[in-house]
Structure formats: C-alpha cells, structure tokens
N, C-alpha and C. Protein backbone atom coordinates (compact mmCIF):
# COMPACT_ATOMS: atom_id res chain seq x y z
N UNK A 1 -15.27 17.96 -15.26
CA UNK A 1 -14.42 16.76 -14.78
C UNK A 1 -14.49 16.50 -13.34
N UNK A 2 -14.99 15.45 -12.79
CA UNK A 2 -15.18 15.11 -11.42
C UNK A 2 -13.79 14.76 -10.71
N UNK A 3 -13.25 15.60 -9.82
CA UNK A 3 -11.97 15.38 -9.36
C UNK A 3 -12.14 14.67 -8.05
N UNK A 4 -13.22 14.85 -7.19
CA UNK A 4 -13.31 14.26 -5.84
C UNK A 4 -14.53 13.35 -5.84
N UNK A 5 -14.76 12.51 -4.85
CA UNK A 5 -15.78 11.36 -4.81
C UNK A 5 -17.26 12.08 -4.55
N UNK A 6 -18.16 11.39 -5.18
CA UNK A 6 -19.43 11.66 -4.74
C UNK A 6 -20.08 10.45 -4.50
N UNK A 7 -21.52 10.45 -4.06
CA UNK A 7 -22.14 9.32 -3.64
C UNK A 7 -22.41 8.40 -4.94
N UNK A 8 -22.26 8.80 -6.15
CA UNK A 8 -22.42 8.04 -7.11
C UNK A 8 -20.99 7.15 -7.68
N UNK A 9 -19.96 7.84 -7.23
CA UNK A 9 -18.90 7.39 -7.61
C UNK A 9 -17.57 7.78 -7.20
N UNK A 10 -16.59 7.48 -7.62
CA UNK A 10 -15.08 7.80 -7.33
C UNK A 10 -14.81 9.00 -8.34
N UNK A 11 -14.00 10.14 -7.92
CA UNK A 11 -13.43 11.09 -8.55
C UNK A 11 -12.10 10.65 -9.21
N UNK A 12 -11.44 11.42 -10.05
CA UNK A 12 -10.26 11.25 -10.68
C UNK A 12 -9.23 10.96 -9.63
N UNK A 13 -9.13 11.91 -8.41
CA UNK A 13 -8.12 11.92 -7.47
C UNK A 13 -8.11 10.48 -6.97
N UNK A 14 -9.09 9.90 -6.38
CA UNK A 14 -9.10 8.73 -5.89
C UNK A 14 -8.76 7.47 -6.64
N UNK A 15 -9.41 7.55 -7.89
CA UNK A 15 -8.96 6.76 -8.98
C UNK A 15 -7.59 6.44 -9.31
N UNK A 16 -6.82 7.79 -9.58
CA UNK A 16 -5.42 7.63 -9.70
C UNK A 16 -4.75 7.31 -8.61
N UNK A 17 -5.05 7.81 -7.42
CA UNK A 17 -4.16 7.31 -6.19
C UNK A 17 -4.43 5.83 -5.97
N UNK A 18 -5.67 5.41 -6.14
CA UNK A 18 -5.91 3.85 -5.94
C UNK A 18 -4.83 3.01 -6.75
N UNK A 19 -4.89 3.29 -8.18
CA UNK A 19 -4.27 2.53 -9.11
C UNK A 19 -2.60 2.68 -9.00
N UNK A 20 -2.19 3.90 -8.63
CA UNK A 20 -0.81 4.16 -8.35
C UNK A 20 -0.28 3.57 -7.32
N UNK A 21 -1.10 3.62 -6.19
CA UNK A 21 -0.94 2.94 -4.84
C UNK A 21 -0.65 1.54 -5.17
N UNK A 22 -1.66 0.79 -6.04
CA UNK A 22 -1.85 -0.63 -6.27
C UNK A 22 -0.45 -1.06 -6.85
N UNK A 23 0.06 -0.25 -7.99
CA UNK A 23 1.38 -0.52 -8.65
C UNK A 23 2.37 -0.35 -7.61
N UNK A 24 2.35 0.61 -6.70
CA UNK A 24 3.47 0.80 -5.83
C UNK A 24 3.53 -0.41 -4.90
N UNK A 25 2.55 -0.69 -4.40
CA UNK A 25 2.46 -1.83 -3.25
C UNK A 25 3.11 -3.09 -3.98
N UNK A 26 2.43 -3.36 -5.13
CA UNK A 26 3.01 -4.59 -5.83
C UNK A 26 4.47 -4.48 -6.14
N UNK A 27 4.99 -3.49 -6.59
CA UNK A 27 6.41 -3.43 -6.90
C UNK A 27 7.10 -3.52 -5.37
N UNK A 28 6.50 -2.99 -4.52
CA UNK A 28 7.30 -3.12 -3.17
C UNK A 28 7.38 -4.41 -2.66
N UNK A 29 6.13 -5.20 -2.82
CA UNK A 29 6.05 -6.60 -2.31
C UNK A 29 6.88 -7.41 -3.26
N UNK A 30 7.09 -7.26 -4.48
CA UNK A 30 8.02 -8.13 -5.41
C UNK A 30 9.39 -7.89 -5.05
N UNK A 31 9.81 -6.66 -5.03
CA UNK A 31 11.30 -6.25 -4.59
C UNK A 31 11.55 -6.80 -3.14
N UNK A 32 10.72 -6.67 -2.24
CA UNK A 32 11.02 -7.08 -0.90
C UNK A 32 11.06 -8.76 -0.76
N UNK A 33 10.06 -9.38 -1.48
CA UNK A 33 10.10 -10.83 -1.28
C UNK A 33 11.16 -11.34 -2.00
N UNK A 34 11.61 -10.85 -3.24
CA UNK A 34 12.70 -10.99 -4.01
C UNK A 34 13.93 -10.92 -3.33
N UNK A 35 14.20 -9.83 -2.62
CA UNK A 35 15.29 -9.59 -1.56
C UNK A 35 15.40 -10.67 -0.54
N UNK A 36 14.30 -11.06 0.07
CA UNK A 36 14.30 -12.20 1.08
C UNK A 36 14.72 -13.55 0.46
N UNK A 37 14.23 -13.81 -0.92
CA UNK A 37 14.69 -15.06 -1.44
C UNK A 37 16.09 -14.93 -1.78
N UNK A 38 16.57 -13.92 -2.26
CA UNK A 38 18.14 -13.84 -2.35
C UNK A 38 18.84 -13.98 -1.17
N UNK A 39 18.27 -13.42 -0.07
CA UNK A 39 19.15 -13.83 1.32
C UNK A 39 19.19 -15.04 1.66
N UNK A 40 17.83 -15.78 1.49
CA UNK A 40 17.89 -17.26 1.82
C UNK A 40 18.89 -18.11 0.90
N UNK A 41 19.10 -17.56 -0.21
CA UNK A 41 19.94 -18.28 -1.24
C UNK A 41 21.34 -17.77 -1.00
N UNK A 42 21.54 -17.10 0.05
CA UNK A 42 22.79 -16.76 0.09
C UNK A 42 23.70 -15.66 -0.60
N UNK A 43 22.56 -15.08 -1.53
CA UNK A 43 23.20 -14.14 -2.68
C UNK A 43 23.17 -12.83 -1.97
N UNK A 44 24.21 -12.30 -1.43
CA UNK A 44 24.41 -11.12 -0.85
C UNK A 44 24.21 -9.93 -1.64
N UNK A 45 24.80 -9.98 -2.97
CA UNK A 45 24.87 -9.05 -3.78
C UNK A 45 23.60 -8.75 -4.44
N UNK A 46 22.77 -9.81 -4.81
CA UNK A 46 21.39 -9.60 -5.32
C UNK A 46 20.47 -9.08 -4.17
N UNK A 47 20.77 -9.39 -2.86
CA UNK A 47 19.87 -9.18 -1.98
C UNK A 47 20.06 -7.37 -1.65
N UNK A 48 21.36 -6.99 -1.70
CA UNK A 48 21.68 -5.61 -1.46
C UNK A 48 21.14 -4.89 -2.74
N UNK A 49 21.12 -5.49 -3.91
CA UNK A 49 20.47 -4.67 -5.16
C UNK A 49 19.03 -4.40 -4.95
N UNK A 50 18.50 -5.56 -4.59
CA UNK A 50 17.00 -5.86 -4.53
C UNK A 50 16.59 -4.87 -3.50
N UNK A 51 17.05 -4.86 -2.37
CA UNK A 51 16.72 -3.82 -1.13
C UNK A 51 17.12 -2.48 -1.67
N UNK A 52 18.08 -2.26 -2.31
CA UNK A 52 18.22 -0.92 -2.76
C UNK A 52 17.13 -0.35 -3.67
N UNK A 53 16.55 -1.35 -4.49
CA UNK A 53 15.33 -0.93 -5.30
C UNK A 53 14.25 -0.81 -4.40
N UNK A 54 13.99 -1.65 -3.43
CA UNK A 54 13.05 -1.67 -2.40
C UNK A 54 12.66 -0.45 -1.70
N UNK A 55 14.00 0.05 -1.21
CA UNK A 55 14.02 1.12 -0.33
C UNK A 55 13.78 2.34 -1.42
N UNK A 56 14.49 2.38 -2.35
CA UNK A 56 14.24 3.60 -3.31
C UNK A 56 12.83 3.69 -3.80
N UNK A 57 12.34 2.70 -4.06
CA UNK A 57 10.91 2.73 -4.59
C UNK A 57 9.90 3.14 -3.40
N UNK A 58 10.09 2.68 -2.19
CA UNK A 58 9.40 3.08 -0.97
C UNK A 58 9.56 4.62 -0.87
N UNK A 59 10.76 5.02 -0.80
CA UNK A 59 11.06 6.65 -0.65
C UNK A 59 10.25 7.30 -1.68
N UNK A 60 10.13 6.88 -2.85
CA UNK A 60 9.72 7.56 -4.10
C UNK A 60 8.33 7.65 -3.83
N UNK A 61 7.47 6.51 -3.41
CA UNK A 61 6.25 6.50 -3.49
C UNK A 61 5.62 6.79 -2.09
N UNK A 62 6.33 7.25 -1.11
CA UNK A 62 5.95 7.56 0.16
C UNK A 62 4.73 8.54 0.11
N UNK A 63 4.90 9.56 -0.38
CA UNK A 63 4.09 10.51 -0.35
C UNK A 63 2.67 10.32 -0.91
N UNK A 64 2.78 9.56 -2.05
CA UNK A 64 1.60 9.18 -2.85
C UNK A 64 0.80 8.07 -2.02
N UNK A 65 1.60 7.19 -1.32
CA UNK A 65 0.82 6.25 -0.45
C UNK A 65 0.20 6.94 0.89
N UNK A 66 1.04 7.78 1.37
CA UNK A 66 0.33 8.65 2.43
C UNK A 66 -0.94 9.28 1.96
N UNK A 67 -0.77 10.07 0.75
CA UNK A 67 -2.08 10.82 0.25
C UNK A 67 -3.07 9.78 -0.14
N UNK A 68 -2.84 8.70 -0.44
CA UNK A 68 -3.73 7.70 -0.77
C UNK A 68 -4.61 7.27 0.59
N UNK A 69 -3.95 7.13 1.62
CA UNK A 69 -4.58 6.87 2.88
C UNK A 69 -5.44 8.04 3.49
N UNK A 70 -4.69 9.19 3.43
CA UNK A 70 -5.39 10.44 3.83
C UNK A 70 -6.62 10.81 2.93
N UNK A 71 -6.67 10.58 1.61
CA UNK A 71 -7.75 11.04 0.83
C UNK A 71 -8.90 10.04 0.93
N UNK A 72 -8.44 8.90 1.23
CA UNK A 72 -9.68 7.75 1.70
C UNK A 72 -10.68 8.27 2.75
N UNK A 73 -9.86 8.97 3.61
CA UNK A 73 -10.75 9.32 4.99
C UNK A 73 -11.33 10.77 4.63
N UNK A 74 -10.71 11.56 3.84
CA UNK A 74 -10.86 13.08 3.56
C UNK A 74 -12.05 13.13 2.69
N UNK A 75 -12.36 12.15 1.91
CA UNK A 75 -13.48 12.52 0.69
C UNK A 75 -14.73 11.50 1.23
N UNK A 76 -15.82 11.68 0.61
CA UNK A 76 -16.91 10.91 0.80
C UNK A 76 -16.82 9.72 0.23
N UNK A 77 -17.36 8.46 0.78
CA UNK A 77 -17.20 7.41 0.00
C UNK A 77 -18.55 7.24 -0.86
N UNK A 78 -18.30 6.70 -2.03
CA UNK A 78 -19.68 6.30 -2.90
C UNK A 78 -20.55 5.31 -2.02
N UNK A 79 -21.81 5.46 -2.50
CA UNK A 79 -22.68 4.44 -1.92
C UNK A 79 -22.33 2.87 -2.22
N UNK A 80 -22.46 2.24 -1.24
CA UNK A 80 -21.94 0.80 -1.43
C UNK A 80 -23.13 0.07 -2.14
N UNK A 81 -22.86 -1.02 -2.72
CA UNK A 81 -23.81 -1.73 -3.31
C UNK A 81 -24.55 -2.55 -2.13
N UNK A 82 -25.87 -2.86 -2.63
CA UNK A 82 -26.58 -3.76 -1.75
C UNK A 82 -25.96 -5.16 -1.69
N UNK A 83 -25.53 -5.50 -0.37
CA UNK A 83 -24.91 -6.86 -0.30
C UNK A 83 -25.55 -7.35 1.20
N UNK A 84 -25.40 -8.59 1.41
CA UNK A 84 -25.57 -9.13 2.79
C UNK A 84 -24.72 -8.56 3.90
N UNK A 85 -25.16 -8.64 5.10
CA UNK A 85 -24.39 -7.74 6.10
C UNK A 85 -23.07 -8.23 6.30
N UNK A 86 -22.92 -9.49 6.07
CA UNK A 86 -21.72 -10.31 6.22
C UNK A 86 -20.66 -9.55 5.06
N UNK A 87 -21.19 -9.63 3.93
CA UNK A 87 -20.33 -9.06 2.77
C UNK A 87 -20.13 -7.61 2.95
N UNK A 88 -21.06 -6.88 3.35
CA UNK A 88 -20.87 -5.35 3.83
C UNK A 88 -19.66 -5.27 4.80
N UNK A 89 -19.66 -6.06 5.82
CA UNK A 89 -18.49 -6.13 6.99
C UNK A 89 -17.21 -6.39 6.34
N UNK A 90 -17.23 -7.48 5.49
CA UNK A 90 -16.07 -8.05 5.00
C UNK A 90 -15.53 -6.97 3.99
N UNK A 91 -16.21 -6.20 3.28
CA UNK A 91 -15.72 -5.21 2.33
C UNK A 91 -15.12 -4.00 3.11
N UNK A 92 -16.01 -3.38 4.12
CA UNK A 92 -15.33 -2.29 4.79
C UNK A 92 -14.19 -2.82 5.55
N UNK A 93 -14.18 -4.04 6.39
CA UNK A 93 -13.03 -4.52 7.02
C UNK A 93 -11.70 -4.64 6.16
N UNK A 94 -11.97 -5.08 5.05
CA UNK A 94 -10.84 -5.38 3.86
C UNK A 94 -10.14 -3.92 3.53
N UNK A 95 -11.10 -3.07 3.12
CA UNK A 95 -10.55 -1.60 2.75
C UNK A 95 -9.75 -1.08 3.95
N UNK A 96 -10.41 -1.06 5.20
CA UNK A 96 -9.64 -0.44 6.22
C UNK A 96 -8.35 -1.15 6.63
N UNK A 97 -8.36 -2.43 6.51
CA UNK A 97 -6.97 -3.00 6.69
C UNK A 97 -6.00 -2.86 5.70
N UNK A 98 -6.52 -2.87 4.56
CA UNK A 98 -5.47 -2.40 3.43
C UNK A 98 -4.95 -1.07 3.75
N UNK A 99 -5.78 -0.01 3.95
CA UNK A 99 -5.33 1.36 4.47
C UNK A 99 -4.39 1.28 5.67
N UNK A 100 -4.70 0.56 6.54
CA UNK A 100 -3.84 0.38 7.78
C UNK A 100 -2.47 -0.36 7.37
N UNK A 101 -2.56 -1.42 6.75
CA UNK A 101 -1.34 -2.11 6.21
C UNK A 101 -0.40 -1.15 5.41
N UNK A 102 -0.97 -0.20 4.50
CA UNK A 102 -0.16 0.82 3.68
C UNK A 102 0.47 1.71 4.79
N UNK A 103 -0.48 2.22 5.82
CA UNK A 103 0.31 3.08 6.64
C UNK A 103 1.37 2.21 7.60
N UNK A 104 1.10 1.08 7.94
CA UNK A 104 2.18 0.53 8.70
C UNK A 104 3.42 0.26 7.93
N UNK A 105 3.35 0.30 6.90
CA UNK A 105 4.60 -0.04 5.90
C UNK A 105 5.19 1.22 5.83
N UNK A 106 4.53 2.32 5.54
CA UNK A 106 5.24 3.52 5.24
C UNK A 106 5.84 4.10 6.55
N UNK A 107 5.46 3.78 7.71
CA UNK A 107 5.97 4.09 8.95
C UNK A 107 7.15 3.19 9.23
N UNK A 108 6.89 1.78 9.24
CA UNK A 108 7.73 0.82 9.74
C UNK A 108 8.96 0.83 8.79
N UNK A 109 8.97 0.96 7.51
CA UNK A 109 10.10 0.70 6.61
C UNK A 109 11.11 1.70 7.13
N UNK A 110 10.91 3.09 7.01
CA UNK A 110 11.84 4.10 7.23
C UNK A 110 12.43 3.95 8.66
N UNK A 111 11.50 3.67 9.73
CA UNK A 111 11.89 3.42 11.05
C UNK A 111 12.88 2.10 11.14
N UNK A 112 12.72 1.13 10.40
CA UNK A 112 13.75 -0.03 10.42
C UNK A 112 14.94 0.28 9.84
N UNK A 113 15.14 1.04 8.82
CA UNK A 113 16.45 1.81 8.30
C UNK A 113 17.12 2.44 9.24
N UNK A 114 16.25 3.53 9.56
CA UNK A 114 16.83 4.61 10.59
C UNK A 114 17.21 3.96 11.93
N UNK A 115 16.22 3.09 12.43
CA UNK A 115 16.73 2.60 13.76
C UNK A 115 17.83 1.47 13.79
N UNK A 116 18.02 1.17 12.49
CA UNK A 116 19.40 0.17 11.96
C UNK A 116 20.59 1.06 11.94
N UNK A 117 20.77 2.32 12.24
CA UNK A 117 21.67 3.25 11.98
C UNK A 117 22.02 3.59 10.74
N UNK A 118 21.11 3.56 9.99
CA UNK A 118 21.44 3.92 8.49
C UNK A 118 20.69 4.85 7.97
N UNK A 119 20.97 5.85 6.88
CA UNK A 119 20.28 6.68 6.24
C UNK A 119 19.46 5.98 5.12
N UNK A 120 18.43 6.64 4.72
CA UNK A 120 17.62 5.97 3.55
C UNK A 120 18.43 6.45 2.30
N UNK A 121 18.86 5.48 1.39
CA UNK A 121 19.35 5.88 0.33
C UNK A 121 18.43 5.62 -0.98
N UNK A 122 18.10 6.82 -1.63
CA UNK A 122 17.25 6.76 -2.75
C UNK A 122 18.04 6.81 -4.27
N UNK A 123 18.31 5.38 -4.63
CA UNK A 123 18.79 5.22 -5.86
C UNK A 123 20.16 5.94 -6.04
N UNK A 124 20.72 6.07 -4.98
CA UNK A 124 22.11 6.60 -5.00
C UNK A 124 22.01 8.16 -5.49
N UNK A 125 20.95 8.72 -5.51
CA UNK A 125 20.84 10.09 -5.99
C UNK A 125 20.81 11.01 -4.83
N UNK A 126 20.14 10.72 -3.72
CA UNK A 126 20.31 11.48 -2.52
C UNK A 126 19.74 10.50 -1.38
N UNK A 127 20.13 10.74 -0.16
CA UNK A 127 19.72 10.05 1.00
C UNK A 127 19.00 11.04 2.21
N UNK A 128 18.28 10.00 2.91
CA UNK A 128 17.53 10.95 3.86
C UNK A 128 18.14 10.45 5.26
N UNK A 129 18.91 11.43 6.01
CA UNK A 129 19.55 11.06 7.20
C UNK A 129 18.74 10.51 8.31
N UNK A 130 19.31 9.73 9.09
CA UNK A 130 18.55 8.91 10.09
C UNK A 130 18.41 10.08 11.17
N UNK A 131 17.19 10.12 11.90
CA UNK A 131 17.19 10.95 13.16
C UNK A 131 17.62 10.48 14.30
N UNK A 132 18.24 9.11 14.23
CA UNK A 132 18.69 8.42 15.43
C UNK A 132 20.12 8.79 15.35
N UNK A 133 20.76 9.01 16.59
CA UNK A 133 22.32 9.24 16.53
C UNK A 133 22.95 8.15 16.36
N UNK A 134 22.64 6.88 16.73
CA UNK A 134 23.14 5.40 16.86
C UNK A 134 21.91 4.58 16.63
N UNK A 135 22.49 3.27 16.36
CA UNK A 135 21.46 2.02 16.19
C UNK A 135 20.69 1.93 17.47
N UNK A 136 19.32 1.82 17.34
CA UNK A 136 18.42 1.54 18.30
C UNK A 136 17.69 0.38 18.13
N UNK A 137 18.24 -0.74 18.88
CA UNK A 137 17.83 -2.15 18.86
C UNK A 137 16.32 -2.37 19.06
N UNK A 138 15.85 -1.71 20.21
CA UNK A 138 14.44 -2.15 20.57
C UNK A 138 13.53 -1.33 19.48
N UNK A 139 13.85 -0.20 19.00
CA UNK A 139 12.93 0.38 18.05
C UNK A 139 13.09 -0.46 16.69
N UNK A 140 14.44 -0.92 16.16
CA UNK A 140 14.62 -1.85 15.06
C UNK A 140 13.78 -2.96 15.15
N UNK A 141 13.84 -3.61 16.18
CA UNK A 141 12.94 -4.81 16.30
C UNK A 141 11.65 -4.76 16.14
N UNK A 142 11.02 -3.61 16.64
CA UNK A 142 9.56 -3.37 16.62
C UNK A 142 9.32 -3.01 15.10
N UNK A 143 9.98 -2.09 14.50
CA UNK A 143 9.71 -1.73 13.18
C UNK A 143 9.91 -3.00 12.16
N UNK A 144 10.89 -3.83 12.46
CA UNK A 144 10.89 -4.91 11.51
C UNK A 144 9.64 -5.82 11.65
N UNK A 145 9.43 -6.00 12.82
CA UNK A 145 8.06 -6.91 13.36
C UNK A 145 6.90 -6.37 12.64
N UNK A 146 6.76 -4.99 12.69
CA UNK A 146 5.54 -4.40 12.08
C UNK A 146 5.64 -4.44 10.58
N UNK A 147 6.76 -4.39 10.13
CA UNK A 147 6.94 -4.19 8.49
C UNK A 147 6.56 -5.67 8.27
N UNK A 148 6.92 -6.94 8.75
CA UNK A 148 6.59 -8.01 8.33
C UNK A 148 4.96 -8.27 8.49
N UNK A 149 4.32 -7.84 9.67
CA UNK A 149 3.04 -8.01 9.75
C UNK A 149 2.36 -7.20 8.64
N UNK A 150 2.86 -6.05 8.44
CA UNK A 150 2.03 -5.20 7.50
C UNK A 150 2.18 -5.81 6.19
N UNK A 151 3.31 -6.56 5.78
CA UNK A 151 3.57 -7.18 4.48
C UNK A 151 2.46 -8.51 4.37
N UNK A 152 2.36 -9.11 5.21
CA UNK A 152 1.45 -10.23 5.22
C UNK A 152 0.05 -9.84 5.33
N UNK A 153 -0.25 -8.76 5.99
CA UNK A 153 -1.82 -8.37 6.14
C UNK A 153 -1.94 -7.68 4.67
N UNK A 154 -1.01 -7.08 3.86
CA UNK A 154 -1.35 -6.56 2.69
C UNK A 154 -1.59 -7.92 1.61
N UNK A 155 -0.64 -8.73 1.82
CA UNK A 155 -0.97 -9.97 0.82
C UNK A 155 -2.37 -10.61 1.02
N UNK A 156 -2.73 -10.85 2.25
CA UNK A 156 -4.04 -11.54 2.63
C UNK A 156 -5.22 -10.61 1.83
N UNK A 157 -5.14 -9.42 2.33
CA UNK A 157 -6.34 -8.54 2.03
C UNK A 157 -6.50 -8.08 0.79
N UNK A 158 -5.09 -7.83 0.05
CA UNK A 158 -5.20 -7.65 -1.39
C UNK A 158 -5.81 -9.01 -1.91
N UNK A 159 -5.70 -9.96 -1.72
CA UNK A 159 -6.40 -11.28 -2.17
C UNK A 159 -7.68 -11.12 -2.16
N UNK A 160 -8.22 -10.65 -1.04
CA UNK A 160 -9.61 -10.56 -0.68
C UNK A 160 -10.31 -9.50 -1.39
N UNK A 161 -9.43 -8.32 -1.67
CA UNK A 161 -9.96 -7.20 -2.47
C UNK A 161 -10.11 -7.66 -3.81
N UNK A 162 -9.22 -8.28 -4.37
CA UNK A 162 -9.37 -8.92 -5.49
C UNK A 162 -10.47 -9.70 -5.91
N UNK A 163 -10.62 -10.76 -4.96
CA UNK A 163 -11.85 -11.80 -5.11
C UNK A 163 -13.00 -10.97 -4.99
N UNK A 164 -13.34 -9.83 -4.21
CA UNK A 164 -14.45 -8.88 -4.06
C UNK A 164 -14.66 -8.30 -5.43
N UNK A 165 -13.63 -7.87 -6.08
CA UNK A 165 -13.81 -7.07 -7.30
C UNK A 165 -14.17 -8.21 -8.50
N UNK A 166 -13.53 -9.31 -8.51
CA UNK A 166 -13.78 -10.21 -9.39
C UNK A 166 -15.56 -10.65 -9.14
N UNK A 167 -15.75 -10.84 -7.80
CA UNK A 167 -17.17 -11.20 -7.61
C UNK A 167 -18.15 -10.13 -8.03
N UNK A 168 -17.85 -8.84 -8.05
CA UNK A 168 -18.57 -7.99 -8.65
C UNK A 168 -18.58 -7.94 -10.13
N UNK A 169 -17.62 -8.15 -10.89
CA UNK A 169 -17.61 -8.26 -12.21
C UNK A 169 -18.17 -9.47 -12.67
N UNK A 170 -18.00 -10.75 -12.18
CA UNK A 170 -18.35 -11.79 -12.98
C UNK A 170 -19.75 -12.32 -12.22
N UNK A 171 -19.86 -12.27 -11.06
CA UNK A 171 -21.37 -12.83 -10.60
C UNK A 171 -22.24 -11.65 -10.28
N UNK A 172 -21.97 -10.67 -9.78
CA UNK A 172 -22.90 -9.58 -9.36
C UNK A 172 -23.26 -8.72 -10.63
N UNK A 173 -22.34 -8.49 -11.54
CA UNK A 173 -22.30 -7.76 -12.79
C UNK A 173 -23.03 -6.43 -12.25
N UNK A 174 -22.61 -5.75 -11.30
CA UNK A 174 -23.41 -4.56 -10.95
C UNK A 174 -22.71 -3.24 -11.27
N UNK A 175 -21.47 -3.11 -11.79
CA UNK A 175 -20.87 -1.94 -12.46
C UNK A 175 -19.91 -1.52 -11.47
N UNK A 176 -19.84 -2.33 -10.16
CA UNK A 176 -19.07 -1.50 -9.17
C UNK A 176 -17.52 -1.38 -9.60
N UNK A 177 -17.02 -2.26 -10.62
CA UNK A 177 -15.54 -2.16 -10.95
C UNK A 177 -15.54 -0.80 -11.85
N UNK A 178 -16.55 -0.41 -12.63
CA UNK A 178 -16.45 0.82 -13.39
C UNK A 178 -16.10 1.87 -12.45
N UNK A 179 -16.51 1.96 -11.41
CA UNK A 179 -16.37 3.15 -10.39
C UNK A 179 -14.99 3.24 -10.21
N UNK A 180 -14.00 2.37 -10.13
CA UNK A 180 -12.73 2.68 -9.93
C UNK A 180 -11.91 2.67 -11.26
N UNK A 181 -12.68 2.92 -12.42
CA UNK A 181 -11.89 3.14 -13.69
C UNK A 181 -12.26 4.41 -14.27
N UNK A 182 -13.37 5.17 -13.88
CA UNK A 182 -13.73 6.66 -14.51
C UNK A 182 -14.89 6.86 -13.54
N UNK A 183 -15.14 8.32 -13.11
CA UNK A 183 -16.35 8.76 -12.45
C UNK A 183 -17.34 8.64 -13.34
N UNK A 184 -18.52 8.79 -12.57
CA UNK A 184 -19.78 8.65 -13.27
C UNK A 184 -20.10 9.74 -14.36
N UNK A 185 -20.54 9.42 -15.41
CA UNK A 185 -20.78 10.29 -16.47
C UNK A 185 -22.04 11.42 -16.12
N UNK A 186 -22.67 10.93 -15.20
CA UNK A 186 -23.96 12.08 -14.83
C UNK A 186 -23.35 13.05 -13.79
N UNK A 187 -22.22 12.91 -13.26
CA UNK A 187 -21.66 13.93 -12.29
C UNK A 187 -21.35 15.09 -12.86
C-alpha cells in the first residue's frame, strides 16, 4: 500500500488529507458565510449558533489542516502533466495560494478570537484559553483582516482548482483526477 507520494502519483496520506481538508474548508466557508448573513439580517441568535459551529469545526480540523499544508511540502510531488507554461504557472500558483490561504485561516481565526479577549469554545465540550491577558485591538483588527483576505483567496482559488480539475477530466482526459482518488497501481 502506497502511503506517500511518488513521481507517478499521490499516496494515501496526501489523498486522505486533500479530501478531508476540502470538506473542512467547505464546512468552514459555509458556516462562516451563513453567520455573516445572519448578522446582516439582524439575527444575533443564529449568528452566535453558526459562529459556534464555525469555531468548533475550525478547532476540530486545525491539526488536519496544518498537517495538509506541512505534508504538501514534506513529500515529493508527482510529475506534472504536460501543459503550456502559462497553465503550469497557473497550476502551481493556485496550489501554493490554496495552501497559503489555509495557513492564513488557521492562524488568523484563533488569533481573532483570542485577541478579542475570548477563549476558543469547542462545541461547549472544552475551551482553549486566550494567551492574551485582555483584548488587543491592533492584533484583533489585523487577524480579522487576514481572515477575510484568506477567505476570499480560498474562494477564488478553489474555483480555479475545480476548473483545472474539470479541464483535466473533460478536455484533456489525461487521468490526472485519478491521482487524487487512489495511488497508482504500479507503485
């Protein structure tokens, strides 16, 4: 069983981390945007409940998302498909920005909560206390801004990533998508 990446394809570790991170990021985006919509509608109770889910999910998936980023740099990458230089650049840039976006989110999210003078409440089961003695407005504003930038970067580049995957499936028909579903059989 191939657990790590090779030049021919991804290993089970990368595949599992990719799809788990994808689900986590989608859940986080949905709950975060729904919380924003509830706030705009003036529904404080719905916003609080949705932010509780957003924060709880973020804390629950923190280590998996961090491992996804670290694993991407720690393992070799499979040989990329033949493409034009522009598409190769776009592919590499998209992957790097997605990883950076995840890293920004998992750093800025907790910082925004802690610098706001609060502990991270994980589904009312336990909480992670703030390292700040009191609210730190300057760090809070930077963390909130970075979280917003990271969120929009993820949305844009997830869209590009999905379009690239669809191009490989329906236009190129080059088997690239299979690499993210199972390791190569010849490994």
